[in-house]
């Protein structure tokens, strides 16, 4: 049904309110029980050393609050104007947080094959090839092995920056990825913000793009 200009403005305002509200829930969750800040880098294997975390230790993913359907004063569910449901939003957010943790958790003893295996359910085949290639390049794998680097990572969603429907429904989250990396050198803690895009795929959600947020969401990492 074609919306009038007035109704289009109403939809825009309501959508903005919902997205801001969802972001507030996520921020509240982070403050109430999130993992302490740790470090990150533009590539999972490019991370620099960080605080005390032992090989095999993992940081539990940040909790993702369920998206609650929001109605306008007239009782209309605003999700009828969005390309996803409240359940979709929660599932997409959970996939994003799990991916952020697995993407930034690795060890110098972990092969590219093992690294790819844990990401396989969470990312598209194209993105998996890109991430695996980055993990195994000599510039990343060499220092990782030489310095015996071990990274324990986690992710927290800060906000939603975009959503779309072409070629499939997608949501782009702004995510802070934290890493604690130990090595033969001093331990370090790093943190960076990324734009992570997840797309609907056969009833599930998969990451098809990750970019440092200041670069925008224009290609694959």
C-alpha atoms as a PDB file:
ATOM      1  CA  UNK A   1       0.000   0.000   0.000  1.00  0.00           C
ATOM      2  CA  UNK A   2       1.398   3.435  -0.990  1.00  0.00           C
ATOM      3  CA  UNK A   3       1.966   5.642   2.062  1.00  0.00           C
ATOM      4  CA  UNK A   4       1.114   9.321   1.970  1.00  0.00           C
ATOM      5  CA  UNK A   5       3.953  11.807   2.645  1.00  0.00           C
ATOM      6  CA  UNK A   6       2.517  12.390   6.127  1.00  0.00           C
ATOM      7  CA  UNK A   7       2.434   8.691   6.932  1.00  0.00           C
ATOM      8  CA  UNK A   8       5.938   8.223   5.509  1.00  0.00           C
ATOM      9  CA  UNK A   9       7.201  10.862   7.954  1.00  0.00           C
ATOM     10  CA  UNK A  10       5.368   9.069  10.775  1.00  0.00           C
ATOM     11  CA  UNK A  11       6.946   5.746   9.787  1.00  0.00           C
ATOM     12  CA  UNK A  12      10.395   7.326   9.752  1.00  0.00           C
ATOM     13  CA  UNK A  13       9.927   8.802  13.236  1.00  0.00           C
ATOM     14  CA  UNK A  14       8.544   5.560  14.673  1.00  0.00           C
ATOM     15  CA  UNK A  15      11.342   3.470  13.142  1.00  0.00           C
ATOM     16  CA  UNK A  16      13.911   5.867  14.564  1.00  0.00           C
ATOM     17  CA  UNK A  17      12.334   5.567  18.017  1.00  0.00           C
ATOM     18  CA  UNK A  18      12.395   1.759  17.845  1.00  0.00           C
ATOM     19  CA  UNK A  19      16.024   1.600  16.756  1.00  0.00           C
ATOM     20  CA  UNK A  20      17.085   4.083  19.432  1.00  0.00           C
ATOM     21  CA  UNK A  21      15.139   2.097  22.009  1.00  0.00           C
ATOM     22  CA  UNK A  22      16.777  -1.150  20.926  1.00  0.00           C
ATOM     23  CA  UNK A  23      20.177   0.507  21.167  1.00  0.00           C
ATOM     24  CA  UNK A  24      19.328   1.678  24.690  1.00  0.00           C
ATOM     25  CA  UNK A  25      18.456  -1.900  25.693  1.00  0.00           C
ATOM     26  CA  UNK A  26      21.796  -3.116  24.353  1.00  0.00           C
ATOM     27  CA  UNK A  27      23.752  -0.394  26.106  1.00  0.00           C
ATOM     28  CA  UNK A  28      21.886  -1.130  29.337  1.00  0.00           C
ATOM     29  CA  UNK A  29      22.790  -4.807  28.944  1.00  0.00           C
ATOM     30  CA  UNK A  30      26.439  -3.949  28.419  1.00  0.00           C
ATOM     31  CA  UNK A  31      26.584  -1.798  31.562  1.00  0.00           C
ATOM     32  CA  UNK A  32      24.759  -4.354  33.689  1.00  0.00           C
ATOM     33  CA  UNK A  33      26.719  -7.504  32.833  1.00  0.00           C
ATOM     34  CA  UNK A  34      29.041  -7.110  29.848  1.00  0.00           C
ATOM     35  CA  UNK A  35      32.622  -8.264  29.664  1.00  0.00           C
ATOM     36  CA  UNK A  36      35.246  -5.676  30.626  1.00  0.00           C
ATOM     37  CA  UNK A  37      36.801  -3.867  27.683  1.00  0.00           C
ATOM     38  CA  UNK A  38      39.563  -5.692  25.878  1.00  0.00           C
ATOM     39  CA  UNK A  39      41.438  -5.174  22.644  1.00  0.00           C
ATOM     40  CA  UNK A  40      40.786  -5.690  18.974  1.00  0.00           C
ATOM     41  CA  UNK A  41      42.278  -5.144  15.553  1.00  0.00           C
ATOM     42  CA  UNK A  42      41.222  -4.788  11.940  1.00  0.00           C
ATOM     43  CA  UNK A  43      41.944  -8.450  11.385  1.00  0.00           C
ATOM     44  CA  UNK A  44      41.565 -11.270  13.891  1.00  0.00           C
ATOM     45  CA  UNK A  45      45.177 -12.240  13.398  1.00  0.00           C
ATOM     46  CA  UNK A  46      46.517  -8.686  13.335  1.00  0.00           C
ATOM     47  CA  UNK A  47      45.702  -8.068  16.981  1.00  0.00           C
ATOM     48  CA  UNK A  48      48.371  -6.892  19.337  1.00  0.00           C
ATOM     49  CA  UNK A  49      48.972  -8.495  22.762  1.00  0.00           C
ATOM     50  CA  UNK A  50      46.674  -7.839  25.696  1.00  0.00           C
ATOM     51  CA  UNK A  51      45.760  -8.791  29.348  1.00  0.00           C
ATOM     52  CA  UNK A  52      45.935 -12.010  31.103  1.00  0.00           C
ATOM     53  CA  UNK A  53      43.887 -14.633  29.373  1.00  0.00           C
ATOM     54  CA  UNK A  54      45.051 -18.183  28.982  1.00  0.00           C
ATOM     55  CA  UNK A  55      44.780 -20.352  25.854  1.00  0.00           C
ATOM     56  CA  UNK A  56      41.389 -21.980  25.775  1.00  0.00           C
ATOM     57  CA  UNK A  57      39.823 -19.400  28.081  1.00  0.00           C
ATOM     58  CA  UNK A  58      36.827 -17.743  26.503  1.00  0.00           C
ATOM     59  CA  UNK A  59      34.754 -14.700  27.256  1.00  0.00           C
ATOM     60  CA  UNK A  60      30.992 -15.361  27.294  1.00  0.00           C
ATOM     61  CA  UNK A  61      29.131 -13.367  24.635  1.00  0.00           C
ATOM     62  CA  UNK A  62      27.300 -10.278  25.795  1.00  0.00           C
ATOM     63  CA  UNK A  63      23.656 -10.962  26.466  1.00  0.00           C
ATOM     64  CA  UNK A  64      21.267  -9.762  23.799  1.00  0.00           C
ATOM     65  CA  UNK A  65      17.882  -8.582  25.087  1.00  0.00           C
ATOM     66  CA  UNK A  66      14.869  -9.735  23.125  1.00  0.00           C
ATOM     67  CA  UNK A  67      13.371  -7.101  20.876  1.00  0.00           C
ATOM     68  CA  UNK A  68       9.936  -6.128  22.144  1.00  0.00           C
ATOM     69  CA  UNK A  69       7.219  -5.259  19.606  1.00  0.00           C
ATOM     70  CA  UNK A  70       6.514  -1.535  19.774  1.00  0.00           C
ATOM     71  CA  UNK A  71       3.169   0.029  18.957  1.00  0.00           C
ATOM     72  CA  UNK A  72       2.208   3.553  18.018  1.00  0.00           C
ATOM     73  CA  UNK A  73      -0.451   5.350  20.044  1.00  0.00           C
ATOM     74  CA  UNK A  74      -3.016   3.994  17.619  1.00  0.00           C
ATOM     75  CA  UNK A  75      -1.978   0.429  18.460  1.00  0.00           C
ATOM     76  CA  UNK A  76      -0.285  -0.270  15.104  1.00  0.00           C
ATOM     77  CA  UNK A  77       2.698  -2.608  15.295  1.00  0.00           C
ATOM     78  CA  UNK A  78       5.584  -0.678  13.716  1.00  0.00           C
ATOM     79  CA  UNK A  79       7.233  -3.938  12.587  1.00  0.00           C
ATOM     80  CA  UNK A  80       4.685  -4.051   9.763  1.00  0.00           C
ATOM     81  CA  UNK A  81       6.730  -1.217   8.211  1.00  0.00           C
ATOM     82  CA  UNK A  82      10.094  -2.912   8.727  1.00  0.00           C
ATOM     83  CA  UNK A  83      11.622  -5.710   6.619  1.00  0.00           C
ATOM     84  CA  UNK A  84      12.118  -7.874   9.743  1.00  0.00           C
ATOM     85  CA  UNK A  85      10.163  -8.970  12.804  1.00  0.00           C
ATOM     86  CA  UNK A  86      11.035  -8.546  16.484  1.00  0.00           C
ATOM     87  CA  UNK A  87      12.172 -12.180  16.540  1.00  0.00           C
ATOM     88  CA  UNK A  88      14.335 -11.562  13.458  1.00  0.00           C
ATOM     89  CA  UNK A  89      15.985  -8.598  15.163  1.00  0.00           C
ATOM     90  CA  UNK A  90      16.831 -10.632  18.259  1.00  0.00           C
ATOM     91  CA  UNK A  91      18.191 -13.530  16.182  1.00  0.00           C
ATOM     92  CA  UNK A  92      20.287 -11.189  14.026  1.00  0.00           C
ATOM     93  CA  UNK A  93      21.704  -9.511  17.130  1.00  0.00           C
ATOM     94  CA  UNK A  94      22.587 -12.864  18.721  1.00  0.00           C
ATOM     95  CA  UNK A  95      24.393 -13.994  15.557  1.00  0.00           C
ATOM     96  CA  UNK A  96      26.331 -10.721  15.526  1.00  0.00           C
ATOM     97  CA  UNK A  97      27.472 -11.014  19.150  1.00  0.00           C
ATOM     98  CA  UNK A  98      28.479 -14.674  18.730  1.00  0.00           C
ATOM     99  CA  UNK A  99      30.390 -13.847  15.559  1.00  0.00           C
ATOM    100  CA  UNK A 100      32.222 -10.952  17.231  1.00  0.00           C
ATOM    101  CA  UNK A 101      33.413 -13.283  19.992  1.00  0.00           C
ATOM    102  CA  UNK A 102      34.559 -16.084  17.660  1.00  0.00           C
ATOM    103  CA  UNK A 103      36.098 -13.684  15.142  1.00  0.00           C
ATOM    104  CA  UNK A 104      38.313 -12.100  17.796  1.00  0.00           C
ATOM    105  CA  UNK A 105      39.164 -15.264  19.769  1.00  0.00           C
ATOM    106  CA  UNK A 106      42.108 -17.246  18.401  1.00  0.00           C
ATOM    107  CA  UNK A 107      45.472 -18.760  19.306  1.00  0.00           C
ATOM    108  CA  UNK A 108      48.845 -19.187  17.633  1.00  0.00           C
ATOM    109  CA  UNK A 109      48.184 -22.936  17.913  1.00  0.00           C
ATOM    110  CA  UNK A 110      44.905 -22.654  15.962  1.00  0.00           C
ATOM    111  CA  UNK A 111      45.148 -23.481  12.266  1.00  0.00           C
ATOM    112  CA  UNK A 112      43.320 -21.550   9.568  1.00  0.00           C
ATOM    113  CA  UNK A 113      41.106 -24.610   9.060  1.00  0.00           C
ATOM    114  CA  UNK A 114      40.111 -24.685  12.739  1.00  0.00           C
ATOM    115  CA  UNK A 115      39.537 -20.931  12.769  1.00  0.00           C
ATOM    116  CA  UNK A 116      37.300 -21.215   9.701  1.00  0.00           C
ATOM    117  CA  UNK A 117      35.357 -24.153  11.167  1.00  0.00           C
ATOM    118  CA  UNK A 118      34.049 -22.174  14.127  1.00  0.00           C
ATOM    119  CA  UNK A 119      32.992 -19.276  11.861  1.00  0.00           C
ATOM    120  CA  UNK A 120      31.304 -21.449   9.213  1.00  0.00           C
ATOM    121  CA  UNK A 121      27.798 -21.454  10.775  1.00  0.00           C
ATOM    122  CA  UNK A 122      27.942 -17.694  11.345  1.00  0.00           C
ATOM    123  CA  UNK A 123      29.134 -16.251   8.018  1.00  0.00           C
ATOM    124  CA  UNK A 124      28.426 -16.566   4.306  1.00  0.00           C
ATOM    125  CA  UNK A 125      30.781 -18.696   2.219  1.00  0.00           C
ATOM    126  CA  UNK A 126      32.186 -15.605   0.509  1.00  0.00           C
ATOM    127  CA  UNK A 127      32.918 -13.851   3.783  1.00  0.00           C
ATOM    128  CA  UNK A 128      34.380 -17.042   5.255  1.00  0.00           C
ATOM    129  CA  UNK A 129      36.897 -17.249   2.425  1.00  0.00           C
ATOM    130  CA  UNK A 130      37.883 -13.615   2.987  1.00  0.00           C
ATOM    131  CA  UNK A 131      38.325 -14.008   6.747  1.00  0.00           C
ATOM    132  CA  UNK A 132      40.225 -17.285   6.436  1.00  0.00           C
ATOM    133  CA  UNK A 133      42.566 -15.770   3.869  1.00  0.00           C
ATOM    134  CA  UNK A 134      43.270 -12.822   6.171  1.00  0.00           C
ATOM    135  CA  UNK A 135      43.935 -15.124   9.107  1.00  0.00           C
ATOM    136  CA  UNK A 136      46.444 -17.250   7.200  1.00  0.00           C
ATOM    137  CA  UNK A 137      48.460 -14.547   5.397  1.00  0.00           C
ATOM    138  CA  UNK A 138      52.157 -14.582   6.288  1.00  0.00           C
ATOM    139  CA  UNK A 139      51.978 -11.034   7.612  1.00  0.00           C
ATOM    140  CA  UNK A 140      49.444 -12.137  10.233  1.00  0.00           C
ATOM    141  CA  UNK A 141      50.283 -15.800  10.804  1.00  0.00           C
ATOM    142  CA  UNK A 142      54.037 -15.174  11.112  1.00  0.00           C
ATOM    143  CA  UNK A 143      53.984 -12.706  14.041  1.00  0.00           C
ATOM    144  CA  UNK A 144      51.126 -14.635  15.664  1.00  0.00           C
ATOM    145  CA  UNK A 145      53.208 -17.818  15.786  1.00  0.00           C
ATOM    146  CA  UNK A 146      56.528 -16.134  16.526  1.00  0.00           C
ATOM    147  CA  UNK A 147      55.156 -14.171  19.490  1.00  0.00           C
ATOM    148  CA  UNK A 148      52.878 -17.012  20.651  1.00  0.00           C
ATOM    149  CA  UNK A 149      49.846 -14.717  20.591  1.00  0.00           C
ATOM    150  CA  UNK A 150      46.555 -15.808  22.149  1.00  0.00           C
ATOM    151  CA  UNK A 151      43.476 -13.598  21.865  1.00  0.00           C
ATOM    152  CA  UNK A 152      40.289 -13.775  23.922  1.00  0.00           C
ATOM    153  CA  UNK A 153      37.593 -11.580  22.418  1.00  0.00           C
ATOM    154  CA  UNK A 154      34.044 -10.414  22.948  1.00  0.00           C
ATOM    155  CA  UNK A 155      31.587  -8.069  21.259  1.00  0.00           C
ATOM    156  CA  UNK A 156      28.942  -5.572  22.322  1.00  0.00           C
ATOM    157  CA  UNK A 157      26.329  -4.081  19.997  1.00  0.00           C
ATOM    158  CA  UNK A 158      26.200  -0.292  20.290  1.00  0.00           C
ATOM    159  CA  UNK A 159      23.506   0.559  17.745  1.00  0.00           C
ATOM    160  CA  UNK A 160      21.906  -0.208  14.384  1.00  0.00           C
ATOM    161  CA  UNK A 161      23.267   1.899  11.543  1.00  0.00           C
ATOM    162  CA  UNK A 162      21.251   0.581   8.581  1.00  0.00           C
ATOM    163  CA  UNK A 163      18.920  -2.092   7.233  1.00  0.00           C
ATOM    164  CA  UNK A 164      17.803  -3.102   3.767  1.00  0.00           C
ATOM    165  CA  UNK A 165      16.016  -5.666   1.605  1.00  0.00           C
ATOM    166  CA  UNK A 166      18.232  -6.106  -1.471  1.00  0.00           C
ATOM    167  CA  UNK A 167      19.140  -8.757  -2.425  1.00  0.00           C
ATOM    168  CA  UNK A 168      17.885 -10.084   0.920  1.00  0.00           C
ATOM    169  CA  UNK A 169      16.901  -8.598   4.271  1.00  0.00           C
ATOM    170  CA  UNK A 170      19.979  -7.289   6.098  1.00  0.00           C
ATOM    171  CA  UNK A 171      20.789  -5.330   9.245  1.00  0.00           C
ATOM    172  CA  UNK A 172      24.021  -3.484   9.949  1.00  0.00           C
ATOM    173  CA  UNK A 173      25.028  -3.261  13.603  1.00  0.00           C
ATOM    174  CA  UNK A 174      27.711  -1.008  15.051  1.00  0.00           C
ATOM    175  CA  UNK A 175      29.711  -3.350  17.294  1.00  0.00           C
ATOM    176  CA  UNK A 176      32.558  -2.742  19.733  1.00  0.00           C
ATOM    177  CA  UNK A 177      34.935  -5.720  19.627  1.00  0.00           C
ATOM    178  CA  UNK A 178      37.251  -6.103  22.610  1.00  0.00           C
ATOM    179  CA  UNK A 179      40.342  -8.298  22.751  1.00  0.00           C
ATOM    180  CA  UNK A 180      42.728  -9.431  25.457  1.00  0.00           C
ATOM    181  CA  UNK A 181      45.892 -10.702  23.795  1.00  0.00           C
ATOM    182  CA  UNK A 182      48.783 -12.369  25.567  1.00  0.00           C
ATOM    183  CA  UNK A 183      52.121 -13.161  23.960  1.00  0.00           C
ATOM    184  CA  UNK A 184      55.825 -13.380  24.698  1.00  0.00           C
ATOM    185  CA  UNK A 185      55.719  -9.596  25.069  1.00  0.00           C
ATOM    186  CA  UNK A 186      53.657  -7.422  27.421  1.00  0.00           C
ATOM    187  CA  UNK A 187      49.948  -8.219  27.493  1.00  0.00           C
ATOM    188  CA  UNK A 188      47.701  -5.626  25.882  1.00  0.00           C
ATOM    189  CA  UNK A 189      44.032  -4.690  25.812  1.00  0.00           C
ATOM    190  CA  UNK A 190      42.529  -3.195  22.672  1.00  0.00           C
ATOM    191  CA  UNK A 191      39.093  -2.141  21.499  1.00  0.00           C
ATOM    192  CA  UNK A 192      37.732  -1.094  18.104  1.00  0.00           C
ATOM    193  CA  UNK A 193      34.329  -0.387  16.617  1.00  0.00           C
ATOM    194  CA  UNK A 194      33.084  -2.242  13.547  1.00  0.00           C
ATOM    195  CA  UNK A 195      30.114  -2.175  11.194  1.00  0.00           C
ATOM    196  CA  UNK A 196      28.897  -5.785  10.994  1.00  0.00           C
ATOM    197  CA  UNK A 197      26.206  -6.635   8.452  1.00  0.00           C
ATOM    198  CA  UNK A 198      24.086  -9.774   8.852  1.00  0.00           C
ATOM    199  CA  UNK A 199      21.742 -11.052   6.162  1.00  0.00           C
ATOM    200  CA  UNK A 200      18.761 -13.392   6.327  1.00  0.00           C
ATOM    201  CA  UNK A 201      19.594 -16.784   4.845  1.00  0.00           C
ATOM    202  CA  UNK A 202      17.044 -19.598   4.865  1.00  0.00           C
ATOM    203  CA  UNK A 203      15.541 -18.744   8.221  1.00  0.00           C
ATOM    204  CA  UNK A 204      18.880 -17.954   9.871  1.00  0.00           C
ATOM    205  CA  UNK A 205      21.197 -14.933   9.876  1.00  0.00           C
ATOM    206  CA  UNK A 206      24.770 -14.870   8.627  1.00  0.00           C
ATOM    207  CA  UNK A 207      27.453 -12.198   8.603  1.00  0.00           C
ATOM    208  CA  UNK A 208      28.275 -11.111   5.063  1.00  0.00           C
ATOM    209  CA  UNK A 209      30.443  -8.090   5.823  1.00  0.00           C
ATOM    210  CA  UNK A 210      32.622  -6.600   8.560  1.00  0.00           C
ATOM    211  CA  UNK A 211      34.357  -3.228   8.357  1.00  0.00           C
ATOM    212  CA  UNK A 212      36.025  -0.885  10.760  1.00  0.00           C
ATOM    213  CA  UNK A 213      33.160   1.513  11.435  1.00  0.00           C
ATOM    214  CA  UNK A 214      35.037   4.650  10.408  1.00  0.00           C
ATOM    215  CA  UNK A 215      35.515   3.124   6.956  1.00  0.00           C
ATOM    216  CA  UNK A 216      31.791   2.498   6.479  1.00  0.00           C
ATOM    217  CA  UNK A 217      30.190  -0.705   5.319  1.00  0.00           C
ATOM    218  CA  UNK A 218      31.448  -0.802   1.761  1.00  0.00           C
ATOM    219  CA  UNK A 219      33.400  -4.025   1.432  1.00  0.00           C
ATOM    220  CA  UNK A 220      34.766  -7.075   3.156  1.00  0.00           C
ATOM    221  CA  UNK A 221      37.515  -7.184   5.732  1.00  0.00           C
END
